[in-house]
Amino acid sequence: MPIFQKKFAPKVAPPRAQRLNIGCPPPAEDLDDFRTITLNLVDKQLCFIDGVWLNGLKAGPGGGPVPSGSGVNVTDDLLRMKRRVKTLEQENNMLQVKLDVLVDLLTENVIELNEIKNQ
C-alpha cells in the first residue's frame, strides 16, 4: 500500500443533458391572465372585481344559475357605472390637457411663421 496514494477519488459525473420541460405539457393559460375570483356561499355567489366584492348569480334549485335579487344587482351596476364615470372623467381631463398643449404649440408655430413672412 503506497503512502502517497489518494485514498478517496470521486468519479467525475457526466454533464447533464438539457431536459427543459421534456414530457411536460405547455401551460394552457398565461399567468398574467387573471380571472375573477368567485366565492360560492349557500345561495349566493360573490365575485371579486376591481378590488370590490360584487354579488353575482344565485344557485338555483336545479343547480343552474339564477339572477340574484334585483336590488343587489342595481347596487352592483351603480358601483360599476360610478367607476366607469370616474375613469372617463380622468381620461377626459388628460385629453383636455393634451389639447391645450397642442393648441399652445400651434399658436407658437403660427406666430413664428408670421414673423418669417413679415421679414
C-alpha atoms as a PDB file:
ATOM      1  CA  MET A   1       0.000   0.000   0.000  1.00  0.00           C
ATOM      2  CA  PRO A   2       1.713   3.157  -1.148  1.00  0.00           C
ATOM      3  CA  ILE A   3       1.939   6.035   1.283  1.00  0.00           C
ATOM      4  CA  PHE A   4       1.198   8.914  -1.107  1.00  0.00           C
ATOM      5  CA  GLN A   5      -1.736   7.369  -2.967  1.00  0.00           C
ATOM      6  CA  LYS A   6      -5.109   9.130  -2.874  1.00  0.00           C
ATOM      7  CA  LYS A   7      -7.456   7.385  -0.522  1.00  0.00           C
ATOM      8  CA  PHE A   8     -10.611   8.994  -1.910  1.00  0.00           C
ATOM      9  CA  ALA A   9     -11.149   9.821  -5.583  1.00  0.00           C
ATOM     10  CA  PRO A  10     -14.738  10.512  -6.557  1.00  0.00           C
ATOM     11  CA  LYS A  11     -15.797   9.704 -10.079  1.00  0.00           C
ATOM     12  CA  VAL A  12     -16.396  12.606 -12.411  1.00  0.00           C
ATOM     13  CA  ALA A  13     -20.099  12.974 -13.083  1.00  0.00           C
ATOM     14  CA  PRO A  14     -21.093  13.204 -16.746  1.00  0.00           C
ATOM     15  CA  PRO A  15     -22.628  16.532 -17.796  1.00  0.00           C
ATOM     16  CA  ARG A  16     -26.394  16.664 -17.540  1.00  0.00           C
ATOM     17  CA  ALA A  17     -28.438  16.627 -20.674  1.00  0.00           C
ATOM     18  CA  GLN A  18     -30.662  19.622 -21.346  1.00  0.00           C
ATOM     19  CA  ARG A  19     -34.079  18.373 -20.362  1.00  0.00           C
ATOM     20  CA  LEU A  20     -36.100  21.548 -20.189  1.00  0.00           C
ATOM     21  CA  ASN A  21     -39.808  20.686 -19.994  1.00  0.00           C
ATOM     22  CA  ILE A  22     -39.438  17.352 -21.746  1.00  0.00           C
ATOM     23  CA  GLY A  23     -42.671  15.455 -21.372  1.00  0.00           C
ATOM     24  CA  CYS A  24     -44.429  18.343 -19.621  1.00  0.00           C
ATOM     25  CA  PRO A  25     -47.374  19.921 -21.379  1.00  0.00           C
ATOM     26  CA  PRO A  26     -47.041  23.652 -22.090  1.00  0.00           C
ATOM     27  CA  PRO A  27     -49.031  25.885 -19.758  1.00  0.00           C
ATOM     28  CA  ALA A  28     -52.569  26.312 -21.042  1.00  0.00           C
ATOM     29  CA  GLU A  29     -53.044  29.818 -19.700  1.00  0.00           C
ATOM     30  CA  ASP A  30     -50.814  32.817 -19.237  1.00  0.00           C
ATOM     31  CA  LEU A  31     -50.025  33.814 -15.666  1.00  0.00           C
ATOM     32  CA  ASP A  32     -50.919  37.442 -16.401  1.00  0.00           C
ATOM     33  CA  ASP A  33     -54.416  36.393 -17.462  1.00  0.00           C
ATOM     34  CA  PHE A  34     -56.245  36.753 -14.160  1.00  0.00           C
ATOM     35  CA  ARG A  35     -59.790  35.574 -13.848  1.00  0.00           C
ATOM     36  CA  THR A  36     -62.333  36.968 -11.465  1.00  0.00           C
ATOM     37  CA  ILE A  37     -62.277  35.371  -8.050  1.00  0.00           C
ATOM     38  CA  THR A  38     -65.612  33.881  -7.074  1.00  0.00           C
ATOM     39  CA  LEU A  39     -66.829  32.835  -3.651  1.00  0.00           C
ATOM     40  CA  ASN A  40     -69.741  30.408  -3.576  1.00  0.00           C
ATOM     41  CA  LEU A  41     -71.864  30.511  -0.459  1.00  0.00           C
ATOM     42  CA  VAL A  42     -75.063  28.594   0.233  1.00  0.00           C
ATOM     43  CA  ASP A  43     -77.332  30.635  -2.028  1.00  0.00           C
ATOM     44  CA  LYS A  44     -75.065  33.428  -3.274  1.00  0.00           C
ATOM     45  CA  GLN A  45     -72.054  33.836  -5.447  1.00  0.00           C
ATOM     46  CA  LEU A  46     -69.717  36.772  -4.827  1.00  0.00           C
ATOM     47  CA  CYS A  47     -67.224  37.975  -7.432  1.00  0.00           C
ATOM     48  CA  PHE A  48     -64.106  39.987  -6.595  1.00  0.00           C
ATOM     49  CA  ILE A  49     -63.820  42.547  -9.388  1.00  0.00           C
ATOM     50  CA  ASP A  50     -61.537  45.598  -9.280  1.00  0.00           C
ATOM     51  CA  GLY A  51     -60.972  45.367  -5.534  1.00  0.00           C
ATOM     52  CA  VAL A  52     -64.653  45.083  -4.556  1.00  0.00           C
ATOM     53  CA  TRP A  53     -66.806  42.072  -3.816  1.00  0.00           C
ATOM     54  CA  LEU A  54     -69.875  42.164  -6.078  1.00  0.00           C
ATOM     55  CA  ASN A  55     -72.897  39.891  -5.941  1.00  0.00           C
ATOM     56  CA  GLY A  56     -73.065  37.503  -8.836  1.00  0.00           C
ATOM     57  CA  LEU A  57     -75.547  34.747  -9.534  1.00  0.00           C
ATOM     58  CA  LYS A  58     -77.531  32.633  -7.104  1.00  0.00           C
ATOM     59  CA  ALA A  59     -77.535  28.904  -7.423  1.00  0.00           C
ATOM     60  CA  GLY A  60     -80.983  27.714  -8.418  1.00  0.00           C
ATOM     61  CA  PRO A  61     -82.799  24.629  -7.141  1.00  0.00           C
ATOM     62  CA  GLY A  62     -81.582  22.575 -10.104  1.00  0.00           C
ATOM     63  CA  GLY A  63     -78.031  23.790  -9.654  1.00  0.00           C
ATOM     64  CA  GLY A  64     -78.298  26.275 -12.533  1.00  0.00           C
ATOM     65  CA  PRO A  65     -77.552  29.951 -12.111  1.00  0.00           C
ATOM     66  CA  VAL A  66     -80.463  32.225 -11.326  1.00  0.00           C
ATOM     67  CA  PRO A  67     -80.096  36.015 -11.124  1.00  0.00           C
ATOM     68  CA  SER A  68     -79.948  37.198  -7.537  1.00  0.00           C
ATOM     69  CA  GLY A  69     -82.114  39.928  -6.059  1.00  0.00           C
ATOM     70  CA  SER A  70     -82.726  42.945  -8.280  1.00  0.00           C
ATOM     71  CA  GLY A  71     -81.760  45.414  -5.543  1.00  0.00           C
ATOM     72  CA  VAL A  72     -78.358  43.815  -5.216  1.00  0.00           C
ATOM     73  CA  ASN A  73     -77.759  43.910  -8.965  1.00  0.00           C
ATOM     74  CA  VAL A  74     -78.782  47.562  -9.070  1.00  0.00           C
ATOM     75  CA  THR A  75     -76.193  48.482  -6.454  1.00  0.00           C
ATOM     76  CA  ASP A  76     -73.528  46.465  -8.266  1.00  0.00           C
ATOM     77  CA  ASP A  77     -74.426  48.137 -11.557  1.00  0.00           C
ATOM     78  CA  LEU A  78     -74.323  51.502  -9.823  1.00  0.00           C
ATOM     79  CA  LEU A  79     -70.817  50.782  -8.497  1.00  0.00           C
ATOM     80  CA  ARG A  80     -69.651  49.713 -11.953  1.00  0.00           C
ATOM     81  CA  MET A  81     -71.148  52.817 -13.532  1.00  0.00           C
ATOM     82  CA  LYS A  82     -69.538  55.099 -10.935  1.00  0.00           C
ATOM     83  CA  ARG A  83     -66.145  53.525 -11.646  1.00  0.00           C
ATOM     84  CA  ARG A  84     -66.690  53.875 -15.377  1.00  0.00           C
ATOM     85  CA  VAL A  85     -67.678  57.548 -14.961  1.00  0.00           C
ATOM     86  CA  LYS A  86     -64.586  58.182 -12.843  1.00  0.00           C
ATOM     87  CA  THR A  87     -62.260  56.622 -15.423  1.00  0.00           C
ATOM     88  CA  LEU A  88     -63.962  58.525 -18.242  1.00  0.00           C
ATOM     89  CA  GLU A  89     -63.581  61.809 -16.326  1.00  0.00           C
ATOM     90  CA  GLN A  90     -59.878  61.115 -15.812  1.00  0.00           C
ATOM     91  CA  GLU A  91     -59.462  60.290 -19.492  1.00  0.00           C
ATOM     92  CA  ASN A  92     -61.366  63.447 -20.433  1.00  0.00           C
ATOM     93  CA  ASN A  93     -59.118  65.589 -18.219  1.00  0.00           C
ATOM     94  CA  MET A  94     -55.996  64.053 -19.757  1.00  0.00           C
ATOM     95  CA  LEU A  95     -57.286  64.693 -23.267  1.00  0.00           C
ATOM     96  CA  GLN A  96     -58.091  68.308 -22.379  1.00  0.00           C
ATOM     97  CA  VAL A  97     -54.539  68.828 -21.127  1.00  0.00           C
ATOM     98  CA  LYS A  98     -53.137  67.304 -24.322  1.00  0.00           C
ATOM     99  CA  LEU A  99     -55.406  69.531 -26.410  1.00  0.00           C
ATOM    100  CA  ASP A 100     -54.232  72.631 -24.520  1.00  0.00           C
ATOM    101  CA  VAL A 101     -50.600  71.711 -25.125  1.00  0.00           C
ATOM    102  CA  LEU A 102     -51.232  71.155 -28.842  1.00  0.00           C
ATOM    103  CA  VAL A 103     -53.068  74.484 -29.169  1.00  0.00           C
ATOM    104  CA  ASP A 104     -50.164  76.257 -27.455  1.00  0.00           C
ATOM    105  CA  LEU A 105     -47.680  74.640 -29.834  1.00  0.00           C
ATOM    106  CA  LEU A 106     -49.820  75.575 -32.805  1.00  0.00           C
ATOM    107  CA  THR A 107     -50.063  79.219 -31.755  1.00  0.00           C
ATOM    108  CA  GLU A 108     -46.300  79.413 -31.241  1.00  0.00           C
ATOM    109  CA  ASN A 109     -45.695  77.994 -34.715  1.00  0.00           C
ATOM    110  CA  VAL A 110     -48.205  80.388 -36.285  1.00  0.00           C
ATOM    111  CA  ILE A 111     -46.506  83.355 -34.602  1.00  0.00           C
ATOM    112  CA  GLU A 112     -43.094  82.203 -35.842  1.00  0.00           C
ATOM    113  CA  LEU A 113     -44.493  81.691 -39.354  1.00  0.00           C
ATOM    114  CA  ASN A 114     -45.973  85.198 -39.392  1.00  0.00           C
ATOM    115  CA  GLU A 115     -42.647  86.674 -38.261  1.00  0.00           C
ATOM    116  CA  ILE A 116     -40.828  84.848 -41.048  1.00  0.00           C
ATOM    117  CA  LYS A 117     -43.368  86.088 -43.640  1.00  0.00           C
ATOM    118  CA  ASN A 118     -43.016  89.693 -42.461  1.00  0.00           C
ATOM    119  CA  GLN A 119     -39.233  89.653 -42.890  1.00  0.00           C
END
